[in-house]
Amino acid sequence: DVQDEKGQEAAQRLVDQGYKASYKRLDVVSESDWQRVVA
């Protein structure tokens, strides 16, 4: 997402519950961002 605070909070909440989650900033209109995140 580009909502960094919300994304990080959601990922941490899920991790605290024992789930496997993480957050990465992604501007979905940026081809280089997409390539970076997938890699």
Full PDB file with SEQRES, HELIX, SHEET, SSBOND, CRYST1, ORIGX, SCALE, CONECT and MASTER records, all heavy atoms in Angstrom:
SEQRES   1 A   39  ASP VAL GLN ASP GLU LYS GLY GLN GLU ALA ALA GLN ARG          
SEQRES   2 A   39  LEU VAL ASP GLN GLY TYR LYS ALA SER TYR LYS ARG LEU          
SEQRES   3 A   39  ASP VAL VAL SER GLU SER ASP TRP GLN ARG VAL VAL ALA          
HELIX    1 AA1 ASP A    4  ASP A   16  1                                  13    
HELIX    2 AA2 GLU A   31  VAL A   38  1                                   8    
CRYST1    1.000    1.000    1.000  90.00  90.00  90.00 P 1           1          
ORIGX1      1.000000  0.000000  0.000000        0.00000                         
ORIGX2      0.000000  1.000000  0.000000        0.00000                         
ORIGX3      0.000000  0.000000  1.000000        0.00000                         
SCALE1      1.000000  0.000000  0.000000        0.00000                         
SCALE2      0.000000  1.000000  0.000000        0.00000                         
SCALE3      0.000000  0.000000  1.000000        0.00000                         
ATOM      1  N   ASP A   1       0.869  -1.173   0.000  1.00  0.00           N  
ATOM      2  CA  ASP A   1       0.000   0.000   0.000  1.00  0.00           C  
ATOM      3  C   ASP A   1       0.906   1.223   0.000  1.00  0.00           C  
ATOM      4  O   ASP A   1       2.140   1.095   0.021  1.00  0.00           O  
ATOM      5  CB  ASP A   1      -0.892   0.004   1.258  1.00  0.00           C  
ATOM      6  CG  ASP A   1      -2.257   0.630   1.016  1.00  0.00           C  
ATOM      7  OD1 ASP A   1      -2.289   1.799   0.553  1.00  0.00           O  
ATOM      8  OD2 ASP A   1      -3.287  -0.029   1.268  1.00  0.00           O  
ATOM      9  N   VAL A   2       0.299   2.402  -0.036  1.00  0.00           N  
ATOM     10  CA  VAL A   2       1.040   3.645   0.186  1.00  0.00           C  
ATOM     11  C   VAL A   2       0.646   4.250   1.534  1.00  0.00           C  
ATOM     12  O   VAL A   2       1.149   5.299   1.911  1.00  0.00           O  
ATOM     13  CB  VAL A   2       0.810   4.665  -0.949  1.00  0.00           C  
ATOM     14  CG1 VAL A   2       1.452   4.181  -2.240  1.00  0.00           C  
ATOM     15  CG2 VAL A   2      -0.672   4.971  -1.152  1.00  0.00           C  
ATOM     16  N   GLN A   3      -0.262   3.586   2.243  1.00  0.00           N  
ATOM     17  CA  GLN A   3      -0.643   4.009   3.593  1.00  0.00           C  
ATOM     18  C   GLN A   3       0.292   3.310   4.581  1.00  0.00           C  
ATOM     19  O   GLN A   3      -0.059   2.285   5.169  1.00  0.00           O  
ATOM     20  CB  GLN A   3      -2.103   3.639   3.871  1.00  0.00           C  
ATOM     21  CG  GLN A   3      -3.105   4.250   2.898  1.00  0.00           C  
ATOM     22  CD  GLN A   3      -4.526   3.838   3.228  1.00  0.00           C  
ATOM     23  OE1 GLN A   3      -5.219   4.490   4.016  1.00  0.00           O  
ATOM     24  NE2 GLN A   3      -4.972   2.736   2.626  1.00  0.00           N  
ATOM     25  N   ASP A   4       1.482   3.877   4.731  1.00  0.00           N  
ATOM     26  CA  ASP A   4       2.530   3.185   5.474  1.00  0.00           C  
ATOM     27  C   ASP A   4       2.137   2.870   6.915  1.00  0.00           C  
ATOM     28  O   ASP A   4       2.341   1.742   7.386  1.00  0.00           O  
ATOM     29  CB  ASP A   4       3.810   4.012   5.461  1.00  0.00           C  
ATOM     30  CG  ASP A   4       4.416   4.140   4.077  1.00  0.00           C  
ATOM     31  OD1 ASP A   4       4.177   3.236   3.247  1.00  0.00           O  
ATOM     32  OD2 ASP A   4       5.113   5.128   3.810  1.00  0.00           O  
ATOM     33  N   GLU A   5       1.588   3.844   7.616  1.00  0.00           N  
ATOM     34  CA  GLU A   5       1.274   3.632   9.028  1.00  0.00           C  
ATOM     35  C   GLU A   5       0.223   2.542   9.191  1.00  0.00           C  
ATOM     36  O   GLU A   5       0.385   1.620  10.004  1.00  0.00           O  
ATOM     37  CB  GLU A   5       0.787   4.934   9.670  1.00  0.00           C  
ATOM     38  CG  GLU A   5       0.559   4.820  11.167  1.00  0.00           C  
ATOM     39  CD  GLU A   5       0.217   6.151  11.817  1.00  0.00           C  
ATOM     40  OE1 GLU A   5       0.432   7.200  11.185  1.00  0.00           O  
ATOM     41  OE2 GLU A   5      -0.274   6.123  12.963  1.00  0.00           O  
ATOM     42  N   LYS A   6      -0.833   2.605   8.391  1.00  0.00           N  
ATOM     43  CA  LYS A   6      -1.888   1.585   8.475  1.00  0.00           C  
ATOM     44  C   LYS A   6      -1.361   0.208   8.080  1.00  0.00           C  
ATOM     45  O   LYS A   6      -1.702  -0.795   8.706  1.00  0.00           O  
ATOM     46  CB  LYS A   6      -3.064   1.970   7.582  1.00  0.00           C  
ATOM     47  CG  LYS A   6      -3.923   3.104   8.113  1.00  0.00           C  
ATOM     48  CD  LYS A   6      -5.131   3.326   7.213  1.00  0.00           C  
ATOM     49  CE  LYS A   6      -6.037   4.408   7.775  1.00  0.00           C  
ATOM     50  NZ  LYS A   6      -7.230   4.619   6.907  1.00  0.00           N  
ATOM     51  N   GLY A   7      -0.544   0.169   7.033  1.00  0.00           N  
ATOM     52  CA  GLY A   7      -0.002  -1.109   6.587  1.00  0.00           C  
ATOM     53  C   GLY A   7       0.912  -1.742   7.613  1.00  0.00           C  
ATOM     54  O   GLY A   7       0.835  -2.955   7.873  1.00  0.00           O  
ATOM     55  N   GLN A   8       1.784  -0.941   8.202  1.00  0.00           N  
ATOM     56  CA  GLN A   8       2.700  -1.456   9.210  1.00  0.00           C  
ATOM     57  C   GLN A   8       1.950  -1.924  10.454  1.00  0.00           C  
ATOM     58  O   GLN A   8       2.271  -2.960  11.041  1.00  0.00           O  
ATOM     59  CB  GLN A   8       3.720  -0.372   9.562  1.00  0.00           C  
ATOM     60  CG  GLN A   8       4.710  -0.101   8.443  1.00  0.00           C  
ATOM     61  CD  GLN A   8       5.456   1.222   8.614  1.00  0.00           C  
ATOM     62  OE1 GLN A   8       5.182   1.992   9.539  1.00  0.00           O  
ATOM     63  NE2 GLN A   8       6.395   1.485   7.720  1.00  0.00           N  
ATOM     64  N   GLU A   9       0.929  -1.153  10.835  1.00  0.00           N  
ATOM     65  CA  GLU A   9       0.133  -1.528  12.006  1.00  0.00           C  
ATOM     66  C   GLU A   9      -0.596  -2.849  11.760  1.00  0.00           C  
ATOM     67  O   GLU A   9      -0.660  -3.711  12.646  1.00  0.00           O  
ATOM     68  CB  GLU A   9      -0.876  -0.428  12.341  1.00  0.00           C  
ATOM     69  CG  GLU A   9      -0.252   0.815  12.947  1.00  0.00           C  
ATOM     70  CD  GLU A   9      -1.277   1.907  13.185  1.00  0.00           C  
ATOM     71  OE1 GLU A   9      -2.453   1.744  12.772  1.00  0.00           O  
ATOM     72  OE2 GLU A   9      -0.904   2.937  13.793  1.00  0.00           O  
ATOM     73  N   ALA A  10      -1.158  -3.009  10.570  1.00  0.00           N  
ATOM     74  CA  ALA A  10      -1.880  -4.241  10.246  1.00  0.00           C  
ATOM     75  C   ALA A  10      -0.941  -5.441  10.267  1.00  0.00           C  
ATOM     76  O   ALA A  10      -1.273  -6.495  10.823  1.00  0.00           O  
ATOM     77  CB  ALA A  10      -2.547  -4.111   8.883  1.00  0.00           C  
ATOM     78  N   ALA A  11       0.229  -5.279   9.674  1.00  0.00           N  
ATOM     79  CA  ALA A  11       1.187  -6.385   9.643  1.00  0.00           C  
ATOM     80  C   ALA A  11       1.633  -6.757  11.054  1.00  0.00           C  
ATOM     81  O   ALA A  11       1.698  -7.951  11.399  1.00  0.00           O  
ATOM     82  CB  ALA A  11       2.392  -6.003   8.787  1.00  0.00           C  
ATOM     83  N   GLN A  12       1.922  -5.763  11.877  1.00  0.00           N  
ATOM     84  CA  GLN A  12       2.374  -6.045  13.242  1.00  0.00           C  
ATOM     85  C   GLN A  12       1.275  -6.711  14.057  1.00  0.00           C  
ATOM     86  O   GLN A  12       1.541  -7.643  14.832  1.00  0.00           O  
ATOM     87  CB  GLN A  12       2.818  -4.755  13.928  1.00  0.00           C  
ATOM     88  CG  GLN A  12       3.498  -4.981  15.276  1.00  0.00           C  
ATOM     89  CD  GLN A  12       4.721  -5.860  15.169  1.00  0.00           C  
ATOM     90  OE1 GLN A  12       5.638  -5.561  14.406  1.00  0.00           O  
ATOM     91  NE2 GLN A  12       4.751  -6.973  15.911  1.00  0.00           N  
ATOM     92  N   ARG A  13       0.047  -6.271  13.877  1.00  0.00           N  
ATOM     93  CA  ARG A  13      -1.076  -6.879  14.599  1.00  0.00           C  
ATOM     94  C   ARG A  13      -1.212  -8.358  14.240  1.00  0.00           C  
ATOM     95  O   ARG A  13      -1.430  -9.209  15.110  1.00  0.00           O  
ATOM     96  CB  ARG A  13      -2.365  -6.119  14.287  1.00  0.00           C  
ATOM     97  CG  ARG A  13      -3.625  -6.758  14.869  1.00  0.00           C  
ATOM     98  CD  ARG A  13      -4.825  -5.836  14.714  1.00  0.00           C  
ATOM     99  NE  ARG A  13      -4.999  -5.367  13.362  1.00  0.00           N  
ATOM    100  CZ  ARG A  13      -5.572  -6.066  12.384  1.00  0.00           C  
ATOM    101  NH1 ARG A  13      -5.995  -7.298  12.629  1.00  0.00           N  
ATOM    102  NH2 ARG A  13      -5.717  -5.558  11.192  1.00  0.00           N  
ATOM    103  N   LEU A  14      -1.071  -8.677  12.952  1.00  0.00           N  
ATOM    104  CA  LEU A  14      -1.177 -10.068  12.524  1.00  0.00           C  
ATOM    105  C   LEU A  14      -0.012 -10.903  13.048  1.00  0.00           C  
ATOM    106  O   LEU A  14      -0.196 -12.059  13.475  1.00  0.00           O  
ATOM    107  CB  LEU A  14      -1.255 -10.137  11.003  1.00  0.00           C  
ATOM    108  CG  LEU A  14      -2.572  -9.624  10.407  1.00  0.00           C  
ATOM    109  CD1 LEU A  14      -2.455  -9.449   8.898  1.00  0.00           C  
ATOM    110  CD2 LEU A  14      -3.718 -10.568  10.743  1.00  0.00           C  
ATOM    111  N   VAL A  15       1.180 -10.332  13.030  1.00  0.00           N  
ATOM    112  CA  VAL A  15       2.351 -11.042  13.569  1.00  0.00           C  
ATOM    113  C   VAL A  15       2.157 -11.315  15.061  1.00  0.00           C  
ATOM    114  O   VAL A  15       2.456 -12.413  15.554  1.00  0.00           O  
ATOM    115  CB  VAL A  15       3.637 -10.227  13.322  1.00  0.00           C  
ATOM    116  CG1 VAL A  15       4.803 -10.806  14.119  1.00  0.00           C  
ATOM    117  CG2 VAL A  15       3.977 -10.215  11.833  1.00  0.00           C  
ATOM    118  N   ASP A  16       1.643 -10.324  15.783  1.00  0.00           N  
ATOM    119  CA  ASP A  16       1.399 -10.494  17.215  1.00  0.00           C  
ATOM    120  C   ASP A  16       0.375 -11.589  17.490  1.00  0.00           C  
ATOM    121  O   ASP A  16       0.381 -12.201  18.567  1.00  0.00           O  
ATOM    122  CB  ASP A  16       0.908  -9.181  17.828  1.00  0.00           C  
ATOM    123  CG  ASP A  16       2.001  -8.105  17.865  1.00  0.00           C  
ATOM    124  OD1 ASP A  16       3.184  -8.465  17.696  1.00  0.00           O  
ATOM    125  OD2 ASP A  16       1.657  -6.924  18.041  1.00  0.00           O  
ATOM    126  N   GLN A  17      -0.494 -11.854  16.512  1.00  0.00           N  
ATOM    127  CA  GLN A  17      -1.493 -12.911  16.648  1.00  0.00           C  
ATOM    128  C   GLN A  17      -0.949 -14.281  16.210  1.00  0.00           C  
ATOM    129  O   GLN A  17      -1.675 -15.274  16.247  1.00  0.00           O  
ATOM    130  CB  GLN A  17      -2.730 -12.565  15.805  1.00  0.00           C  
ATOM    131  CG  GLN A  17      -3.493 -11.351  16.329  1.00  0.00           C  
ATOM    132  CD  GLN A  17      -4.599 -10.899  15.376  1.00  0.00           C  
ATOM    133  OE1 GLN A  17      -4.776 -11.468  14.303  1.00  0.00           O  
ATOM    134  NE2 GLN A  17      -5.338  -9.879  15.774  1.00  0.00           N  
ATOM    135  N   GLY A  18       0.313 -14.285  15.785  1.00  0.00           N  
ATOM    136  CA  GLY A  18       0.937 -15.546  15.405  1.00  0.00           C  
ATOM    137  C   GLY A  18       0.872 -15.858  13.921  1.00  0.00           C  
ATOM    138  O   GLY A  18       1.241 -16.964  13.508  1.00  0.00           O  
ATOM    139  N   TYR A  19       0.440 -14.891  13.119  1.00  0.00           N  
ATOM    140  CA  TYR A  19       0.334 -15.103  11.683  1.00  0.00           C  
ATOM    141  C   TYR A  19       1.587 -14.594  10.968  1.00  0.00           C  
ATOM    142  O   TYR A  19       2.432 -13.897  11.549  1.00  0.00           O  
ATOM    143  CB  TYR A  19      -0.904 -14.402  11.136  1.00  0.00           C  
ATOM    144  CG  TYR A  19      -2.198 -14.888  11.748  1.00  0.00           C  
ATOM    145  CD1 TYR A  19      -3.154 -13.982  12.208  1.00  0.00           C  
ATOM    146  CD2 TYR A  19      -2.473 -16.244  11.872  1.00  0.00           C  
ATOM    147  CE1 TYR A  19      -4.346 -14.415  12.773  1.00  0.00           C  
ATOM    148  CE2 TYR A  19      -3.658 -16.691  12.435  1.00  0.00           C  
ATOM    149  CZ  TYR A  19      -4.591 -15.764  12.885  1.00  0.00           C  
ATOM    150  OH  TYR A  19      -5.762 -16.212  13.435  1.00  0.00           O  
ATOM    151  N   LYS A  20       1.685 -14.939   9.677  1.00  0.00           N  
ATOM    152  CA  LYS A  20       2.854 -14.560   8.883  1.00  0.00           C  
ATOM    153  C   LYS A  20       2.473 -13.408   7.952  1.00  0.00           C  
ATOM    154  O   LYS A  20       1.783 -13.621   6.947  1.00  0.00           O  
ATOM    155  CB  LYS A  20       3.377 -15.761   8.086  1.00  0.00           C  
ATOM    156  CG  LYS A  20       3.937 -16.868   8.960  1.00  0.00           C  
ATOM    157  CD  LYS A  20       4.208 -18.127   8.170  1.00  0.00           C  
ATOM    158  CE  LYS A  20       2.901 -18.790   7.815  1.00  0.00           C  
ATOM    159  NZ  LYS A  20       2.934 -20.245   7.863  1.00  0.00           N  
ATOM    160  N   ALA A  21       2.924 -12.220   8.298  1.00  0.00           N  
ATOM    161  CA  ALA A  21       2.560 -11.046   7.511  1.00  0.00           C  
ATOM    162  C   ALA A  21       3.681 -10.018   7.583  1.00  0.00           C  
ATOM    163  O   ALA A  21       4.450  -9.975   8.546  1.00  0.00           O  
ATOM    164  CB  ALA A  21       1.260 -10.430   8.021  1.00  0.00           C  
ATOM    165  N   SER A  22       3.763  -9.215   6.539  1.00  0.00           N  
ATOM    166  CA  SER A  22       4.732  -8.113   6.509  1.00  0.00           C  
ATOM    167  C   SER A  22       4.162  -7.007   5.635  1.00  0.00           C  
ATOM    168  O   SER A  22       3.155  -7.203   4.950  1.00  0.00           O  
ATOM    169  CB  SER A  22       6.081  -8.584   5.967  1.00  0.00           C  
ATOM    170  OG  SER A  22       5.931  -9.074   4.635  1.00  0.00           O  
ATOM    171  N   TYR A  23       4.799  -5.859   5.679  1.00  0.00           N  
ATOM    172  CA  TYR A  23       4.335  -4.709   4.891  1.00  0.00           C  
ATOM    173  C   TYR A  23       5.448  -4.194   4.001  1.00  0.00           C  
ATOM    174  O   TYR A  23       6.606  -4.105   4.420  1.00  0.00           O  
ATOM    175  CB  TYR A  23       3.864  -3.580   5.807  1.00  0.00           C  
ATOM    176  CG  TYR A  23       3.549  -2.311   5.034  1.00  0.00           C  
ATOM    177  CD1 TYR A  23       2.375  -2.209   4.297  1.00  0.00           C  
ATOM    178  CD2 TYR A  23       4.444  -1.232   5.013  1.00  0.00           C  
ATOM    179  CE1 TYR A  23       2.086  -1.062   3.564  1.00  0.00           C  
ATOM    180  CE2 TYR A  23       4.157  -0.090   4.292  1.00  0.00           C  
ATOM    181  CZ  TYR A  23       2.976  -0.007   3.565  1.00  0.00           C  
ATOM    182  OH  TYR A  23       2.704   1.124   2.823  1.00  0.00           O  
ATOM    183  N   LYS A  24       5.096  -3.859   2.768  1.00  0.00           N  
ATOM    184  CA  LYS A  24       6.022  -3.204   1.848  1.00  0.00           C  
ATOM    185  C   LYS A  24       5.287  -2.052   1.170  1.00  0.00           C  
ATOM    186  O   LYS A  24       4.157  -2.215   0.709  1.00  0.00           O  
ATOM    187  CB  LYS A  24       6.535  -4.175   0.781  1.00  0.00           C  
ATOM    188  CG  LYS A  24       7.448  -5.260   1.323  1.00  0.00           C  
ATOM    189  CD  LYS A  24       8.020  -6.107   0.206  1.00  0.00           C  
ATOM    190  CE  LYS A  24       8.884  -7.225   0.777  1.00  0.00           C  
ATOM    191  NZ  LYS A  24      10.101  -6.702   1.435  1.00  0.00           N  
ATOM    192  N   ARG A  25       5.936  -0.923   1.112  1.00  0.00           N  
ATOM    193  CA  ARG A  25       5.354   0.210   0.389  1.00  0.00           C  
ATOM    194  C   ARG A  25       5.416  -0.080  -1.109  1.00  0.00           C  
ATOM    195  O   ARG A  25       6.452  -0.498  -1.634  1.00  0.00           O  
ATOM    196  CB  ARG A  25       6.114   1.496   0.703  1.00  0.00           C  
ATOM    197  CG  ARG A  25       5.532   2.720  -0.009  1.00  0.00           C  
ATOM    198  CD  ARG A  25       6.268   4.001   0.360  1.00  0.00           C  
ATOM    199  NE  ARG A  25       5.701   5.139  -0.355  1.00  0.00           N  
ATOM    200  CZ  ARG A  25       4.642   5.829   0.021  1.00  0.00           C  
ATOM    201  NH1 ARG A  25       4.025   5.499   1.149  1.00  0.00           N  
ATOM    202  NH2 ARG A  25       4.187   6.841  -0.687  1.00  0.00           N  
ATOM    203  N   LEU A  26       4.302   0.146  -1.789  1.00  0.00           N  
ATOM    204  CA  LEU A  26       4.235  -0.091  -3.227  1.00  0.00           C  
ATOM    205  C   LEU A  26       3.339   0.959  -3.870  1.00  0.00           C  
ATOM    206  O   LEU A  26       2.145   1.039  -3.563  1.00  0.00           O  
ATOM    207  CB  LEU A  26       3.677  -1.490  -3.530  1.00  0.00           C  
ATOM    208  CG  LEU A  26       3.308  -1.794  -4.982  1.00  0.00           C  
ATOM    209  CD1 LEU A  26       4.530  -1.735  -5.881  1.00  0.00           C  
ATOM    210  CD2 LEU A  26       2.629  -3.159  -5.085  1.00  0.00           C  
ATOM    211  N   ASP A  27       3.925   1.753  -4.750  1.00  0.00           N  
ATOM    212  CA  ASP A  27       3.146   2.654  -5.596  1.00  0.00           C  
ATOM    213  C   ASP A  27       2.759   1.845  -6.826  1.00  0.00           C  
ATOM    214  O   ASP A  27       3.604   1.543  -7.669  1.00  0.00           O  
ATOM    215  CB  ASP A  27       3.989   3.874  -5.984  1.00  0.00           C  
ATOM    216  CG  ASP A  27       3.259   4.836  -6.902  1.00  0.00           C  
ATOM    217  OD1 ASP A  27       2.127   4.500  -7.338  1.00  0.00           O  
ATOM    218  OD2 ASP A  27       3.803   5.907  -7.206  1.00  0.00           O  
ATOM    219  N   VAL A  28       1.487   1.492  -6.931  1.00  0.00           N  
ATOM    220  CA  VAL A  28       1.076   0.535  -7.961  1.00  0.00           C  
ATOM    221  C   VAL A  28       1.161   1.084  -9.383  1.00  0.00           C  
ATOM    222  O   VAL A  28       0.996   0.320 -10.341  1.00  0.00           O  
ATOM    223  CB  VAL A  28      -0.358   0.006  -7.702  1.00  0.00           C  
ATOM    224  CG1 VAL A  28      -0.391  -0.847  -6.442  1.00  0.00           C  
ATOM    225  CG2 VAL A  28      -1.367   1.151  -7.634  1.00  0.00           C  
ATOM    226  N   VAL A  29       1.435   2.369  -9.540  1.00  0.00           N  
ATOM    227  CA  VAL A  29       1.593   2.915 -10.892  1.00  0.00           C  
ATOM    228  C   VAL A  29       3.066   2.994 -11.291  1.00  0.00           C  
ATOM    229  O   VAL A  29       3.388   3.456 -12.393  1.00  0.00           O  
ATOM    230  CB  VAL A  29       0.924   4.302 -11.043  1.00  0.00           C  
ATOM    231  CG1 VAL A  29      -0.536   4.216 -10.656  1.00  0.00           C  
ATOM    232  CG2 VAL A  29       1.634   5.365 -10.231  1.00  0.00           C  
ATOM    233  N   SER A  30       3.946   2.518 -10.409  1.00  0.00           N  
ATOM    234  CA  SER A  30       5.382   2.554 -10.673  1.00  0.00           C  
ATOM    235  C   SER A  30       5.883   1.176 -11.079  1.00  0.00           C  
ATOM    236  O   SER A  30       5.859   0.235 -10.283  1.00  0.00           O  
ATOM    237  CB  SER A  30       6.145   3.024  -9.431  1.00  0.00           C  
ATOM    238  OG  SER A  30       7.533   2.790  -9.564  1.00  0.00           O  
ATOM    239  N   GLU A  31       6.353   1.042 -12.316  1.00  0.00           N  
ATOM    240  CA  GLU A  31       6.862  -0.245 -12.780  1.00  0.00           C  
ATOM    241  C   GLU A  31       8.084  -0.671 -11.981  1.00  0.00           C  
ATOM    242  O   GLU A  31       8.238  -1.853 -11.642  1.00  0.00           O  
ATOM    243  CB  GLU A  31       7.193  -0.185 -14.266  1.00  0.00           C  
ATOM    244  CG  GLU A  31       7.541  -1.528 -14.868  1.00  0.00           C  
ATOM    245  CD  GLU A  31       7.507  -1.532 -16.381  1.00  0.00           C  
ATOM    246  OE1 GLU A  31       7.582  -0.445 -16.995  1.00  0.00           O  
ATOM    247  OE2 GLU A  31       7.391  -2.633 -16.963  1.00  0.00           O  
ATOM    248  N   SER A  32       8.934   0.275 -11.628  1.00  0.00           N  
ATOM    249  CA  SER A  32      10.131  -0.074 -10.861  1.00  0.00           C  
ATOM    250  C   SER A  32       9.767  -0.520  -9.446  1.00  0.00           C  
ATOM    251  O   SER A  32      10.412  -1.418  -8.885  1.00  0.00           O  
ATOM    252  CB  SER A  32      11.099   1.113 -10.804  1.00  0.00           C  
ATOM    253  OG  SER A  32      10.513   2.233 -10.175  1.00  0.00           O  
ATOM    254  N   ASP A  33       8.747   0.082  -8.852  1.00  0.00           N  
ATOM    255  CA  ASP A  33       8.281  -0.364  -7.540  1.00  0.00           C  
ATOM    256  C   ASP A  33       7.784  -1.807  -7.606  1.00  0.00           C  
ATOM    257  O   ASP A  33       8.086  -2.624  -6.733  1.00  0.00           O  
ATOM    258  CB  ASP A  33       7.147   0.547  -7.046  1.00  0.00           C  
ATOM    259  CG  ASP A  33       7.620   1.582  -6.036  1.00  0.00           C  
ATOM    260  OD1 ASP A  33       8.823   1.901  -6.042  1.00  0.00           O  
ATOM    261  OD2 ASP A  33       6.787   2.076  -5.253  1.00  0.00           O  
ATOM    262  N   TRP A  34       7.017  -2.115  -8.629  1.00  0.00           N  
ATOM    263  CA  TRP A  34       6.524  -3.474  -8.806  1.00  0.00           C  
ATOM    264  C   TRP A  34       7.678  -4.466  -8.936  1.00  0.00           C  
ATOM    265  O   TRP A  34       7.683  -5.527  -8.294  1.00  0.00           O  
ATOM    266  CB  TRP A  34       5.624  -3.560 -10.042  1.00  0.00           C  
ATOM    267  CG  TRP A  34       4.180  -3.330  -9.765  1.00  0.00           C  
ATOM    268  CD1 TRP A  34       3.414  -2.270 -10.146  1.00  0.00           C  
ATOM    269  CD2 TRP A  34       3.294  -4.205  -9.049  1.00  0.00           C  
ATOM    270  NE1 TRP A  34       2.124  -2.415  -9.715  1.00  0.00           N  
ATOM    271  CE2 TRP A  34       2.019  -3.602  -9.043  1.00  0.00           C  
ATOM    272  CE3 TRP A  34       3.458  -5.437  -8.417  1.00  0.00           C  
ATOM    273  CZ2 TRP A  34       0.916  -4.196  -8.433  1.00  0.00           C  
ATOM    274  CZ3 TRP A  34       2.364  -6.028  -7.795  1.00  0.00           C  
ATOM    275  CH2 TRP A  34       1.107  -5.407  -7.812  1.00  0.00           C  
ATOM    276  N   GLN A  35       8.652  -4.143  -9.753  1.00  0.00           N  
ATOM    277  CA  GLN A  35       9.784  -5.040  -9.950  1.00  0.00           C  
ATOM    278  C   GLN A  35      10.538  -5.247  -8.644  1.00  0.00           C  
ATOM    279  O   GLN A  35      10.951  -6.366  -8.321  1.00  0.00           O  
ATOM    280  CB  GLN A  35      10.701  -4.470 -11.035  1.00  0.00           C  
ATOM    281  CG  GLN A  35      10.063  -4.485 -12.422  1.00  0.00           C  
ATOM    282  CD  GLN A  35      10.826  -3.655 -13.433  1.00  0.00           C  
ATOM    283  OE1 GLN A  35      11.668  -2.826 -13.082  1.00  0.00           O  
ATOM    284  NE2 GLN A  35      10.530  -3.862 -14.711  1.00  0.00           N  
ATOM    285  N   ARG A  36      10.710  -4.168  -7.887  1.00  0.00           N  
ATOM    286  CA  ARG A  36      11.413  -4.263  -6.610  1.00  0.00           C  
ATOM    287  C   ARG A  36      10.655  -5.148  -5.622  1.00  0.00           C  
ATOM    288  O   ARG A  36      11.248  -6.051  -4.996  1.00  0.00           O  
ATOM    289  CB  ARG A  36      11.586  -2.864  -6.007  1.00  0.00           C  
ATOM    290  CG  ARG A  36      12.125  -2.869  -4.571  1.00  0.00           C  
ATOM    291  CD  ARG A  36      12.181  -1.473  -3.973  1.00  0.00           C  
ATOM    292  NE  ARG A  36      10.895  -0.796  -3.984  1.00  0.00           N  
ATOM    293  CZ  ARG A  36       9.925  -1.013  -3.084  1.00  0.00           C  
ATOM    294  NH1 ARG A  36      10.090  -1.908  -2.116  1.00  0.00           N  
ATOM    295  NH2 ARG A  36       8.788  -0.339  -3.140  1.00  0.00           N  
ATOM    296  N   VAL A  37       9.366  -4.904  -5.464  1.00  0.00           N  
ATOM    297  CA  VAL A  37       8.587  -5.651  -4.473  1.00  0.00           C  
ATOM    298  C   VAL A  37       8.535  -7.140  -4.809  1.00  0.00           C  
ATOM    299  O   VAL A  37       8.744  -7.989  -3.941  1.00  0.00           O  
ATOM    300  CB  VAL A  37       7.164  -5.062  -4.346  1.00  0.00           C  
ATOM    301  CG1 VAL A  37       6.250  -6.016  -3.570  1.00  0.00           C  
ATOM    302  CG2 VAL A  37       7.218  -3.709  -3.649  1.00  0.00           C  
ATOM    303  N   VAL A  38       8.276  -7.469  -6.061  1.00  0.00           N  
ATOM    304  CA  VAL A  38       8.229  -8.882  -6.446  1.00  0.00           C  
ATOM    305  C   VAL A  38       9.584  -9.544  -6.203  1.00  0.00           C  
ATOM    306  O   VAL A  38       9.664 -10.659  -5.660  1.00  0.00           O  
ATOM    307  CB  VAL A  38       7.787  -9.044  -7.913  1.00  0.00           C  
ATOM    308  CG1 VAL A  38       7.974 -10.485  -8.381  1.00  0.00           C  
ATOM    309  CG2 VAL A  38       6.328  -8.620  -8.081  1.00  0.00           C  
ATOM    310  N   ALA A  39      10.668  -8.863  -6.575  1.00  0.00           N  
ATOM    311  CA  ALA A  39      12.006  -9.419  -6.373  1.00  0.00           C  
ATOM    312  C   ALA A  39      12.292  -9.628  -4.886  1.00  0.00           C  
ATOM    313  O   ALA A  39      12.862 -10.661  -4.490  1.00  0.00           O  
ATOM    314  CB  ALA A  39      13.056  -8.504  -6.990  1.00  0.00           C  
TER     315      ALA A  39                                                      
MASTER        0    0    0    2    0    0    0    6  314    1    0    3          
END                                                                             
